[in-house]
Protein backbone atom coordinates (compact mmCIF):
# COMPACT_ATOMS: atom_id res chain seq x y z
CA MET A 1 -13.34 -12.45 -36.07
CA GLU A 2 -12.46 -9.15 -35.95
CA THR A 3 -8.76 -8.30 -34.71
CA LYS A 4 -8.62 -4.98 -32.38
CA ARG A 5 -6.97 -2.43 -34.15
CA THR A 6 -6.16 1.30 -32.79
CA ASN A 7 -8.24 3.55 -33.53
CA LYS A 8 -5.87 6.33 -35.34
CA ASP A 9 -8.48 9.09 -34.98
CA THR A 10 -8.54 9.25 -31.58
CA LEU A 11 -4.65 8.50 -31.19
CA ILE A 12 -3.93 12.08 -32.81
CA LYS A 13 -6.43 13.43 -30.77
CA GLY A 14 -4.58 12.19 -27.97
CA LEU A 15 -1.52 12.94 -29.33
CA LYS A 16 -2.38 16.70 -30.03
CA LYS A 17 -3.42 17.03 -26.03
CA MET A 18 -0.26 15.54 -24.94
CA GLY A 19 1.44 18.53 -27.61
CA LEU A 20 -0.52 20.98 -26.07
CA SER A 21 0.16 19.70 -22.47
CA LEU A 22 4.29 19.76 -23.56
CA VAL A 23 3.63 23.32 -24.45
CA CYS A 24 2.64 24.44 -21.02
CA MET A 25 4.74 22.34 -19.40
CA PHE A 26 7.64 24.51 -20.42
CA LEU A 27 5.73 27.87 -20.64
CA GLY A 28 3.86 27.98 -17.08
CA PRO A 29 7.47 27.55 -15.48
CA THR A 30 8.87 30.31 -17.59
CA LEU A 31 6.27 32.71 -16.82
CA ILE A 32 6.67 31.56 -13.11
CA TYR A 33 10.48 32.14 -13.24
CA VAL A 34 9.65 36.06 -14.93
CA ALA A 35 6.80 37.12 -12.40
CA PHE A 36 9.27 36.17 -9.80
CA SER A 37 12.32 38.03 -11.42
CA ASN A 38 10.35 41.25 -11.61
CA GLN A 39 8.12 41.25 -8.40
CA GLU A 40 8.07 45.27 -7.85
CA LYS A 41 6.47 45.44 -11.45
CA THR A 42 2.53 45.96 -11.49
CA LEU A 43 1.62 42.81 -13.09
CA TYR A 44 3.42 40.76 -10.79
CA ILE A 45 0.48 39.20 -9.52
CA PRO A 46 -2.11 38.61 -12.83
CA LEU A 47 1.41 36.98 -14.36
CA LEU A 48 1.95 34.83 -11.45
CA ILE A 49 -2.07 33.41 -11.71
CA LEU A 50 -1.72 33.44 -15.59
CA SER A 51 1.04 30.68 -14.80
CA ILE A 52 -0.06 28.61 -12.44
CA LEU A 53 -2.98 28.48 -14.46
CA ILE A 54 -0.95 27.06 -16.95
CA CYS A 55 0.59 24.46 -14.89
CA ILE A 56 -2.45 22.83 -13.43
CA LEU A 57 -3.79 23.10 -17.38
CA ALA A 58 -0.58 21.38 -18.53
CA VAL A 59 -1.03 18.25 -15.73
CA TYR A 60 -4.89 18.42 -16.68
CA LEU A 61 -4.06 18.44 -20.27
CA ALA A 62 -1.48 15.45 -19.73
CA PHE A 63 -3.68 12.90 -17.85
CA ILE A 64 -6.36 13.88 -20.23
CA GLY A 65 -4.29 13.24 -23.35
CA LEU A 66 -2.88 9.78 -22.18
CA LYS A 67 -6.19 8.62 -21.11
CA THR A 68 -7.26 9.82 -24.58
CA ILE A 69 -4.55 7.84 -26.10
CA MET A 70 -5.18 4.77 -23.86
CA ASP A 71 -8.85 4.49 -24.84
CA SER A 72 -7.88 4.69 -28.83
CA MET A 73 -5.59 1.52 -28.24
CA PHE A 74 -7.86 -0.43 -25.84
CA TYR A 75 -10.90 0.40 -26.30
CA LYS A 76 -13.95 -2.07 -27.03
CA THR A 77 -16.48 -1.05 -29.55
CA THR A 78 -19.76 -2.33 -29.81
CA ASN A 79 -21.05 -2.86 -33.21
């Protein structure tokens, strides 16, 4: 009988996604702060849109990363 083990390759992929999510979690709000502190500049609207998209990407990557990590631990493989 084979014991269940964590799929290390899938776990590493999930951790990479979580790391990228962490970077986006700091970058997005920082760019929002910069955009709101420079409202008179011409790049205010594009920077604000970009920062909001980065925040949305951070949440998406966090969910996908957690799902990937959970799949690496609990996924049943059929052999």
